[in-house]
């Protein structure tokens, strides 16, 4: 998958050092993945949740952080829409970001 943009993740882990290794791992796993649909993704990430408009929520580092992405399965592109702490996630509407 092509992930847009890694810089978003880097900026977050610079501010939240505890998230760095987990986000690096997610990035590298997603980069080599070939998800064709949510079912494929769910096989790799059983705790992932689907939202409307091909958005997916990932629990990062034991659910300390939340990552919301939008996936274009047909082109293999993952757009990072949000990364934040669980408390920050509770203040957003992940269906509109």
PDB file of N, CA and C in Angstrom:
ATOM      1  N   UNK A   1       0.846  -1.168   0.000  1.00  0.00           N
ATOM      2  CA  UNK A   1       0.000   0.000   0.000  1.00  0.00           C
ATOM      3  C   UNK A   1       0.901   1.245   0.000  1.00  0.00           C
ATOM      4  N   UNK A   2       0.386   2.275  -0.578  1.00  0.00           N
ATOM      5  CA  UNK A   2       1.088   3.568  -0.563  1.00  0.00           C
ATOM      6  C   UNK A   2       0.436   4.420   0.520  1.00  0.00           C
ATOM      7  N   UNK A   3       1.243   4.912   1.448  1.00  0.00           N
ATOM      8  CA  UNK A   3       0.711   5.628   2.604  1.00  0.00           C
ATOM      9  C   UNK A   3       1.004   7.117   2.479  1.00  0.00           C
ATOM     10  N   UNK A   4      -0.057   7.902   2.596  1.00  0.00           N
ATOM     11  CA  UNK A   4       0.060   9.359   2.496  1.00  0.00           C
ATOM     12  C   UNK A   4      -0.465   9.939   3.798  1.00  0.00           C
ATOM     13  N   UNK A   5       0.282  10.503   4.608  1.00  0.00           N
ATOM     14  CA  UNK A   5       1.684  10.783   4.493  1.00  0.00           C
ATOM     15  C   UNK A   5       2.413  10.323   5.755  1.00  0.00           C
ATOM     16  N   UNK A   6       3.568   9.779   5.540  1.00  0.00           N
ATOM     17  CA  UNK A   6       4.398   9.306   6.650  1.00  0.00           C
ATOM     18  C   UNK A   6       4.784  10.464   7.567  1.00  0.00           C
ATOM     19  N   UNK A   7       4.899  11.643   7.006  1.00  0.00           N
ATOM     20  CA  UNK A   7       5.277  12.830   7.798  1.00  0.00           C
ATOM     21  C   UNK A   7       4.290  13.087   8.933  1.00  0.00           C
ATOM     22  N   UNK A   8       3.029  12.791   8.715  1.00  0.00           N
ATOM     23  CA  UNK A   8       2.028  12.946   9.769  1.00  0.00           C
ATOM     24  C   UNK A   8       2.374  12.055  10.952  1.00  0.00           C
ATOM     25  N   UNK A   9       2.745  10.825  10.656  1.00  0.00           N
ATOM     26  CA  UNK A   9       3.132   9.894  11.722  1.00  0.00           C
ATOM     27  C   UNK A   9       4.402  10.363  12.423  1.00  0.00           C
ATOM     28  N   UNK A  10       5.388  10.791  11.641  1.00  0.00           N
ATOM     29  CA  UNK A  10       6.660  11.267  12.218  1.00  0.00           C
ATOM     30  C   UNK A  10       6.437  12.448  13.154  1.00  0.00           C
ATOM     31  N   UNK A  11       5.628  13.386  12.729  1.00  0.00           N
ATOM     32  CA  UNK A  11       5.340  14.540  13.576  1.00  0.00           C
ATOM     33  C   UNK A  11       4.687  14.131  14.879  1.00  0.00           C
ATOM     34  N   UNK A  12       3.800  13.154  14.808  1.00  0.00           N
ATOM     35  CA  UNK A  12       3.123  12.700  16.017  1.00  0.00           C
ATOM     36  C   UNK A  12       4.091  12.013  16.960  1.00  0.00           C
ATOM     37  N   UNK A  13       4.931  11.108  16.445  1.00  0.00           N
ATOM     38  CA  UNK A  13       5.819  10.397  17.355  1.00  0.00           C
ATOM     39  C   UNK A  13       6.949  11.269  17.877  1.00  0.00           C
ATOM     40  N   UNK A  14       7.217  12.390  17.239  1.00  0.00           N
ATOM     41  CA  UNK A  14       8.175  13.336  17.822  1.00  0.00           C
ATOM     42  C   UNK A  14       7.599  13.966  19.092  1.00  0.00           C
ATOM     43  N   UNK A  15       6.286  14.170  19.101  1.00  0.00           N
ATOM     44  CA  UNK A  15       5.613  14.729  20.275  1.00  0.00           C
ATOM     45  C   UNK A  15       5.232  13.663  21.298  1.00  0.00           C
ATOM     46  N   UNK A  16       5.077  12.429  20.844  1.00  0.00           N
ATOM     47  CA  UNK A  16       4.661  11.308  21.704  1.00  0.00           C
ATOM     48  C   UNK A  16       5.630  10.149  21.478  1.00  0.00           C
ATOM     49  N   UNK A  17       6.775  10.237  22.108  1.00  0.00           N
ATOM     50  CA  UNK A  17       7.840   9.248  21.881  1.00  0.00           C
ATOM     51  C   UNK A  17       7.401   7.810  22.144  1.00  0.00           C
ATOM     52  N   UNK A  18       6.480   7.612  23.058  1.00  0.00           N
ATOM     53  CA  UNK A  18       6.032   6.262  23.384  1.00  0.00           C
ATOM     54  C   UNK A  18       5.306   5.600  22.206  1.00  0.00           C
ATOM     55  N   UNK A  19       4.834   6.391  21.266  1.00  0.00           N
ATOM     56  CA  UNK A  19       4.100   5.858  20.118  1.00  0.00           C
ATOM     57  C   UNK A  19       5.011   5.491  18.948  1.00  0.00           C
ATOM     58  N   UNK A  20       6.253   5.906  18.990  1.00  0.00           N
ATOM     59  CA  UNK A  20       7.122   5.782  17.819  1.00  0.00           C
ATOM     60  C   UNK A  20       7.253   4.357  17.304  1.00  0.00           C
ATOM     61  N   UNK A  21       7.636   3.423  18.134  1.00  0.00           N
ATOM     62  CA  UNK A  21       7.878   2.059  17.656  1.00  0.00           C
ATOM     63  C   UNK A  21       6.609   1.418  17.112  1.00  0.00           C
ATOM     64  N   UNK A  22       5.500   1.626  17.786  1.00  0.00           N
ATOM     65  CA  UNK A  22       4.235   1.051  17.319  1.00  0.00           C
ATOM     66  C   UNK A  22       3.825   1.647  15.972  1.00  0.00           C
ATOM     67  N   UNK A  23       3.992   2.948  15.805  1.00  0.00           N
ATOM     68  CA  UNK A  23       3.636   3.583  14.534  1.00  0.00           C
ATOM     69  C   UNK A  23       4.591   3.181  13.414  1.00  0.00           C
ATOM     70  N   UNK A  24       5.868   3.050  13.731  1.00  0.00           N
ATOM     71  CA  UNK A  24       6.819   2.565  12.722  1.00  0.00           C
ATOM     72  C   UNK A  24       6.438   1.159  12.264  1.00  0.00           C
ATOM     73  N   UNK A  25       6.077   0.315  13.218  1.00  0.00           N
ATOM     74  CA  UNK A  25       5.673  -1.049  12.878  1.00  0.00           C
ATOM     75  C   UNK A  25       4.428  -1.048  12.002  1.00  0.00           C
ATOM     76  N   UNK A  26       3.426  -0.263  12.396  1.00  0.00           N
ATOM     77  CA  UNK A  26       2.200  -0.190  11.592  1.00  0.00           C
ATOM     78  C   UNK A  26       2.523   0.286  10.170  1.00  0.00           C
ATOM     79  N   UNK A  27       3.342   1.322  10.054  1.00  0.00           N
ATOM     80  CA  UNK A  27       3.690   1.867   8.753  1.00  0.00           C
ATOM     81  C   UNK A  27       4.323   0.800   7.856  1.00  0.00           C
ATOM     82  N   UNK A  28       5.298   0.074   8.391  1.00  0.00           N
ATOM     83  CA  UNK A  28       5.997  -0.925   7.578  1.00  0.00           C
ATOM     84  C   UNK A  28       5.099  -2.108   7.238  1.00  0.00           C
ATOM     85  N   UNK A  29       4.235  -2.508   8.146  1.00  0.00           N
ATOM     86  CA  UNK A  29       3.291  -3.584   7.864  1.00  0.00           C
ATOM     87  C   UNK A  29       2.289  -3.157   6.793  1.00  0.00           C
ATOM     88  N   UNK A  30       1.770  -1.942   6.910  1.00  0.00           N
ATOM     89  CA  UNK A  30       0.800  -1.452   5.940  1.00  0.00           C
ATOM     90  C   UNK A  30       1.446  -1.236   4.575  1.00  0.00           C
ATOM     91  N   UNK A  31       2.675  -0.809   4.571  1.00  0.00           N
ATOM     92  CA  UNK A  31       3.377  -0.531   3.317  1.00  0.00           C
ATOM     93  C   UNK A  31       3.514  -1.787   2.453  1.00  0.00           C
ATOM     94  N   UNK A  32       3.753  -2.921   3.066  1.00  0.00           N
ATOM     95  CA  UNK A  32       3.922  -4.157   2.303  1.00  0.00           C
ATOM     96  C   UNK A  32       2.614  -4.922   2.126  1.00  0.00           C
ATOM     97  N   UNK A  33       1.553  -4.469   2.782  1.00  0.00           N
ATOM     98  CA  UNK A  33       0.257  -5.145   2.683  1.00  0.00           C
ATOM     99  C   UNK A  33      -0.338  -4.951   1.289  1.00  0.00           C
ATOM    100  N   UNK A  34      -1.222  -5.845   0.924  1.00  0.00           N
ATOM    101  CA  UNK A  34      -1.941  -5.762  -0.359  1.00  0.00           C
ATOM    102  C   UNK A  34      -3.434  -5.960  -0.089  1.00  0.00           C
ATOM    103  N   UNK A  35      -4.000  -5.072   0.739  1.00  0.00           N
ATOM    104  CA  UNK A  35      -5.412  -5.183   1.082  1.00  0.00           C
ATOM    105  C   UNK A  35      -6.270  -4.855  -0.120  1.00  0.00           C
ATOM    106  N   UNK A  36      -7.177  -5.742  -0.450  1.00  0.00           N
ATOM    107  CA  UNK A  36      -8.111  -5.517  -1.546  1.00  0.00           C
ATOM    108  C   UNK A  36      -9.483  -5.091  -1.033  1.00  0.00           C
ATOM    109  N   UNK A  37      -9.708  -5.302   0.274  1.00  0.00           N
ATOM    110  CA  UNK A  37     -10.982  -4.939   0.899  1.00  0.00           C
ATOM    111  C   UNK A  37     -10.793  -4.983   2.419  1.00  0.00           C
ATOM    112  N   UNK A  38     -11.838  -4.604   3.131  1.00  0.00           N
ATOM    113  CA  UNK A  38     -11.742  -4.563   4.591  1.00  0.00           C
ATOM    114  C   UNK A  38     -11.525  -5.958   5.172  1.00  0.00           C
ATOM    115  N   UNK A  39     -12.080  -6.966   4.556  1.00  0.00           N
ATOM    116  CA  UNK A  39     -11.883  -8.335   5.044  1.00  0.00           C
ATOM    117  C   UNK A  39     -10.392  -8.697   5.061  1.00  0.00           C
ATOM    118  N   UNK A  40      -9.668  -8.347   4.008  1.00  0.00           N
ATOM    119  CA  UNK A  40      -8.220  -8.609   3.969  1.00  0.00           C
ATOM    120  C   UNK A  40      -7.515  -7.903   5.115  1.00  0.00           C
ATOM    121  N   UNK A  41      -7.871  -6.654   5.340  1.00  0.00           N
ATOM    122  CA  UNK A  41      -7.262  -5.865   6.411  1.00  0.00           C
ATOM    123  C   UNK A  41      -7.574  -6.480   7.770  1.00  0.00           C
ATOM    124  N   UNK A  42      -8.814  -6.898   7.958  1.00  0.00           N
ATOM    125  CA  UNK A  42      -9.267  -7.447   9.242  1.00  0.00           C
ATOM    126  C   UNK A  42      -8.531  -8.743   9.588  1.00  0.00           C
ATOM    127  N   UNK A  43      -8.102  -9.491   8.591  1.00  0.00           N
ATOM    128  CA  UNK A  43      -7.314 -10.693   8.844  1.00  0.00           C
ATOM    129  C   UNK A  43      -5.975 -10.346   9.494  1.00  0.00           C
ATOM    130  N   UNK A  44      -5.412  -9.216   9.108  1.00  0.00           N
ATOM    131  CA  UNK A  44      -4.137  -8.775   9.659  1.00  0.00           C
ATOM    132  C   UNK A  44      -4.322  -7.991  10.953  1.00  0.00           C
ATOM    133  N   UNK A  45      -5.389  -7.205  11.034  1.00  0.00           N
ATOM    134  CA  UNK A  45      -5.654  -6.355  12.197  1.00  0.00           C
ATOM    135  C   UNK A  45      -7.071  -6.629  12.718  1.00  0.00           C
ATOM    136  N   UNK A  46      -7.238  -7.674  13.506  1.00  0.00           N
ATOM    137  CA  UNK A  46      -8.575  -8.050  13.983  1.00  0.00           C
ATOM    138  C   UNK A  46      -9.284  -6.970  14.805  1.00  0.00           C
ATOM    139  N   UNK A  47      -8.535  -6.080  15.442  1.00  0.00           N
ATOM    140  CA  UNK A  47      -9.171  -5.046  16.269  1.00  0.00           C
ATOM    141  C   UNK A  47      -9.539  -3.794  15.474  1.00  0.00           C
ATOM    142  N   UNK A  48      -9.222  -3.756  14.189  1.00  0.00           N
ATOM    143  CA  UNK A  48      -9.554  -2.594  13.366  1.00  0.00           C
ATOM    144  C   UNK A  48     -11.065  -2.488  13.202  1.00  0.00           C
ATOM    145  N   UNK A  49     -11.533  -1.252  13.132  1.00  0.00           N
ATOM    146  CA  UNK A  49     -12.962  -0.995  12.950  1.00  0.00           C
ATOM    147  C   UNK A  49     -13.179  -0.229  11.659  1.00  0.00           C
ATOM    148  N   UNK A  50     -14.250  -0.558  10.976  1.00  0.00           N
ATOM    149  CA  UNK A  50     -14.580   0.106   9.721  1.00  0.00           C
ATOM    150  C   UNK A  50     -15.599   1.212   9.975  1.00  0.00           C
ATOM    151  N   UNK A  51     -15.455   2.280   9.216  1.00  0.00           N
ATOM    152  CA  UNK A  51     -16.375   3.417   9.233  1.00  0.00           C
ATOM    153  C   UNK A  51     -16.864   3.654   7.812  1.00  0.00           C
ATOM    154  N   UNK A  52     -17.879   4.489   7.642  1.00  0.00           N
ATOM    155  CA  UNK A  52     -18.310   4.820   6.276  1.00  0.00           C
ATOM    156  C   UNK A  52     -17.182   5.455   5.460  1.00  0.00           C
ATOM    157  N   UNK A  53     -17.335   5.420   4.155  1.00  0.00           N
ATOM    158  CA  UNK A  53     -16.389   6.010   3.206  1.00  0.00           C
ATOM    159  C   UNK A  53     -14.997   5.393   3.298  1.00  0.00           C
ATOM    160  N   UNK A  54     -14.937   4.111   3.529  1.00  0.00           N
ATOM    161  CA  UNK A  54     -13.686   3.344   3.543  1.00  0.00           C
ATOM    162  C   UNK A  54     -12.687   3.837   4.589  1.00  0.00           C
ATOM    163  N   UNK A  55     -13.190   4.371   5.666  1.00  0.00           N
ATOM    164  CA  UNK A  55     -12.319   4.774   6.771  1.00  0.00           C
ATOM    165  C   UNK A  55     -12.148   3.590   7.708  1.00  0.00           C
ATOM    166  N   UNK A  56     -10.964   3.523   8.311  1.00  0.00           N
ATOM    167  CA  UNK A  56     -10.641   2.442   9.242  1.00  0.00           C
ATOM    168  C   UNK A  56      -9.964   3.048  10.460  1.00  0.00           C
ATOM    169  N   UNK A  57     -10.321   2.528  11.621  1.00  0.00           N
ATOM    170  CA  UNK A  57      -9.693   2.953  12.875  1.00  0.00           C
ATOM    171  C   UNK A  57      -8.783   1.829  13.352  1.00  0.00           C
ATOM    172  N   UNK A  58      -7.527   2.183  13.603  1.00  0.00           N
ATOM    173  CA  UNK A  58      -6.555   1.244  14.156  1.00  0.00           C
ATOM    174  C   UNK A  58      -6.257   1.628  15.598  1.00  0.00           C
ATOM    175  N   UNK A  59      -6.209   0.640  16.461  1.00  0.00           N
ATOM    176  CA  UNK A  59      -5.750   0.845  17.834  1.00  0.00           C
ATOM    177  C   UNK A  59      -4.242   0.669  17.828  1.00  0.00           C
ATOM    178  N   UNK A  60      -3.537   1.668  18.288  1.00  0.00           N
ATOM    179  CA  UNK A  60      -2.073   1.662  18.271  1.00  0.00           C
ATOM    180  C   UNK A  60      -1.561   1.581  19.706  1.00  0.00           C
ATOM    181  N   UNK A  61      -0.565   0.733  19.904  1.00  0.00           N
ATOM    182  CA  UNK A  61       0.093   0.562  21.202  1.00  0.00           C
ATOM    183  C   UNK A  61      -0.910   0.268  22.314  1.00  0.00           C
ATOM    184  N   UNK A  62      -1.615  -0.837  22.128  1.00  0.00           N
ATOM    185  CA  UNK A  62      -2.546  -1.271  23.161  1.00  0.00           C
ATOM    186  C   UNK A  62      -3.696  -0.320  23.381  1.00  0.00           C
ATOM    187  N   UNK A  63      -4.126   0.356  22.312  1.00  0.00           N
ATOM    188  CA  UNK A  63      -5.249   1.290  22.344  1.00  0.00           C
ATOM    189  C   UNK A  63      -4.936   2.591  23.087  1.00  0.00           C
ATOM    190  N   UNK A  64      -3.655   2.904  23.280  1.00  0.00           N
ATOM    191  CA  UNK A  64      -3.282   4.204  23.842  1.00  0.00           C
ATOM    192  C   UNK A  64      -3.459   5.311  22.807  1.00  0.00           C
ATOM    193  N   UNK A  65      -3.339   4.937  21.539  1.00  0.00           N
ATOM    194  CA  UNK A  65      -3.443   5.889  20.442  1.00  0.00           C
ATOM    195  C   UNK A  65      -4.417   5.354  19.412  1.00  0.00           C
ATOM    196  N   UNK A  66      -5.002   6.275  18.655  1.00  0.00           N
ATOM    197  CA  UNK A  66      -5.929   5.888  17.592  1.00  0.00           C
ATOM    198  C   UNK A  66      -5.445   6.487  16.279  1.00  0.00           C
ATOM    199  N   UNK A  67      -5.493   5.672  15.265  1.00  0.00           N
ATOM    200  CA  UNK A  67      -5.119   6.073  13.918  1.00  0.00           C
ATOM    201  C   UNK A  67      -6.336   5.880  13.018  1.00  0.00           C
ATOM    202  N   UNK A  68      -6.754   6.945  12.357  1.00  0.00           N
ATOM    203  CA  UNK A  68      -7.873   6.872  11.416  1.00  0.00           C
ATOM    204  C   UNK A  68      -7.317   7.097  10.019  1.00  0.00           C
ATOM    205  N   UNK A  69      -7.625   6.177   9.126  1.00  0.00           N
ATOM    206  CA  UNK A  69      -7.161   6.282   7.740  1.00  0.00           C
ATOM    207  C   UNK A  69      -8.346   6.125   6.801  1.00  0.00           C
ATOM    208  N   UNK A  70      -8.156   6.586   5.597  1.00  0.00           N
ATOM    209  CA  UNK A  70      -9.112   6.316   4.528  1.00  0.00           C
ATOM    210  C   UNK A  70      -8.372   5.514   3.476  1.00  0.00           C
ATOM    211  N   UNK A  71      -8.947   4.402   3.090  1.00  0.00           N
ATOM    212  CA  UNK A  71      -8.255   3.492   2.175  1.00  0.00           C
ATOM    213  C   UNK A  71      -8.981   3.431   0.838  1.00  0.00           C
ATOM    214  N   UNK A  72      -8.217   3.628  -0.206  1.00  0.00           N
ATOM    215  CA  UNK A  72      -8.710   3.409  -1.571  1.00  0.00           C
ATOM    216  C   UNK A  72      -8.175   2.034  -1.974  1.00  0.00           C
ATOM    217  N   UNK A  73      -8.972   1.020  -1.728  1.00  0.00           N
ATOM    218  CA  UNK A  73      -8.525  -0.355  -1.969  1.00  0.00           C
ATOM    219  C   UNK A  73      -8.188  -0.592  -3.440  1.00  0.00           C
ATOM    220  N   UNK A  74      -8.928   0.020  -4.346  1.00  0.00           N
ATOM    221  CA  UNK A  74      -8.700  -0.222  -5.769  1.00  0.00           C
ATOM    222  C   UNK A  74      -7.363   0.331  -6.261  1.00  0.00           C
ATOM    223  N   UNK A  75      -6.852   1.385  -5.621  1.00  0.00           N
ATOM    224  CA  UNK A  75      -5.559   1.947  -6.041  1.00  0.00           C
ATOM    225  C   UNK A  75      -4.432   1.633  -5.056  1.00  0.00           C
ATOM    226  N   UNK A  76      -4.772   1.054  -3.911  1.00  0.00           N
ATOM    227  CA  UNK A  76      -3.751   0.705  -2.925  1.00  0.00           C
ATOM    228  C   UNK A  76      -3.174   1.898  -2.192  1.00  0.00           C
ATOM    229  N   UNK A  77      -3.997   2.921  -1.977  1.00  0.00           N
ATOM    230  CA  UNK A  77      -3.522   4.132  -1.299  1.00  0.00           C
ATOM    231  C   UNK A  77      -4.224   4.269   0.050  1.00  0.00           C
ATOM    232  N   UNK A  78      -3.426   4.560   1.079  1.00  0.00           N
ATOM    233  CA  UNK A  78      -3.930   4.778   2.440  1.00  0.00           C
ATOM    234  C   UNK A  78      -3.653   6.234   2.797  1.00  0.00           C
ATOM    235  N   UNK A  79      -4.711   6.974   3.098  1.00  0.00           N
ATOM    236  CA  UNK A  79      -4.582   8.378   3.489  1.00  0.00           C
ATOM    237  C   UNK A  79      -4.745   8.479   5.003  1.00  0.00           C
ATOM    238  N   UNK A  80      -3.745   8.992   5.676  1.00  0.00           N
ATOM    239  CA  UNK A  80      -3.842   9.188   7.115  1.00  0.00           C
ATOM    240  C   UNK A  80      -4.708  10.415   7.365  1.00  0.00           C
ATOM    241  N   UNK A  81      -5.785  10.216   8.111  1.00  0.00           N
ATOM    242  CA  UNK A  81      -6.728  11.296   8.389  1.00  0.00           C
ATOM    243  C   UNK A  81      -6.571  11.843   9.795  1.00  0.00           C
ATOM    244  N   UNK A  82      -6.112  10.995  10.736  1.00  0.00           N
ATOM    245  CA  UNK A  82      -5.985  11.425  12.132  1.00  0.00           C
ATOM    246  C   UNK A  82      -5.081  10.449  12.862  1.00  0.00           C
ATOM    247  N   UNK A  83      -4.244  10.997  13.734  1.00  0.00           N
ATOM    248  CA  UNK A  83      -3.501  10.199  14.708  1.00  0.00           C
ATOM    249  C   UNK A  83      -3.531  10.996  15.998  1.00  0.00           C
ATOM    250  N   UNK A  84      -3.885  10.331  17.081  1.00  0.00           N
ATOM    251  CA  UNK A  84      -3.960  11.042  18.353  1.00  0.00           C
ATOM    252  C   UNK A  84      -4.097  10.093  19.520  1.00  0.00           C
ATOM    253  N   UNK A  85      -4.069  10.678  20.691  1.00  0.00           N
ATOM    254  CA  UNK A  85      -4.290   9.887  21.895  1.00  0.00           C
ATOM    255  C   UNK A  85      -5.755   9.469  21.927  1.00  0.00           C
ATOM    256  N   UNK A  86      -6.048   8.546  22.800  1.00  0.00           N
ATOM    257  CA  UNK A  86      -7.432   8.098  22.927  1.00  0.00           C
ATOM    258  C   UNK A  86      -8.327   9.271  23.341  1.00  0.00           C
ATOM    259  N   UNK A  87      -7.845  10.131  24.226  1.00  0.00           N
ATOM    260  CA  UNK A  87      -8.625  11.301  24.662  1.00  0.00           C
ATOM    261  C   UNK A  87      -8.858  12.270  23.503  1.00  0.00           C
ATOM    262  N   UNK A  88      -7.837  12.487  22.660  1.00  0.00           N
ATOM    263  CA  UNK A  88      -8.000  13.368  21.495  1.00  0.00           C
ATOM    264  C   UNK A  88      -8.998  12.773  20.509  1.00  0.00           C
ATOM    265  N   UNK A  89      -8.937  11.476  20.342  1.00  0.00           N
ATOM    266  CA  UNK A  89      -9.870  10.792  19.448  1.00  0.00           C
ATOM    267  C   UNK A  89     -11.317  10.979  19.918  1.00  0.00           C
ATOM    268  N   UNK A  90     -11.523  10.940  21.215  1.00  0.00           N
ATOM    269  CA  UNK A  90     -12.874  11.100  21.760  1.00  0.00           C
ATOM    270  C   UNK A  90     -13.472  12.470  21.453  1.00  0.00           C
ATOM    271  N   UNK A  91     -12.647  13.442  21.089  1.00  0.00           N
ATOM    272  CA  UNK A  91     -13.127  14.796  20.801  1.00  0.00           C
ATOM    273  C   UNK A  91     -13.377  15.062  19.312  1.00  0.00           C
ATOM    274  N   UNK A  92     -13.155  14.070  18.470  1.00  0.00           N
ATOM    275  CA  UNK A  92     -13.358  14.265  17.027  1.00  0.00           C
ATOM    276  C   UNK A  92     -14.510  13.400  16.529  1.00  0.00           C
ATOM    277  N   UNK A  93     -14.943  13.675  15.330  1.00  0.00           N
ATOM    278  CA  UNK A  93     -15.892  12.819  14.638  1.00  0.00           C
ATOM    279  C   UNK A  93     -15.120  12.133  13.517  1.00  0.00           C
ATOM    280  N   UNK A  94     -14.735  10.878  13.693  1.00  0.00           N
ATOM    281  CA  UNK A  94     -13.888  10.223  12.698  1.00  0.00           C
ATOM    282  C   UNK A  94     -14.556  10.016  11.341  1.00  0.00           C
ATOM    283  N   UNK A  95     -15.859  10.183  11.273  1.00  0.00           N
ATOM    284  CA  UNK A  95     -16.547  10.012   9.990  1.00  0.00           C
ATOM    285  C   UNK A  95     -16.449  11.253   9.107  1.00  0.00           C
ATOM    286  N   UNK A  96     -15.994  12.370   9.677  1.00  0.00           N
ATOM    287  CA  UNK A  96     -15.942  13.610   8.896  1.00  0.00           C
ATOM    288  C   UNK A  96     -14.539  14.149   8.687  1.00  0.00           C
ATOM    289  N   UNK A  97     -13.545  13.571   9.306  1.00  0.00           N
ATOM    290  CA  UNK A  97     -12.192  14.086   9.137  1.00  0.00           C
ATOM    291  C   UNK A  97     -11.558  13.572   7.849  1.00  0.00           C
TER     292      UNK A  97
END
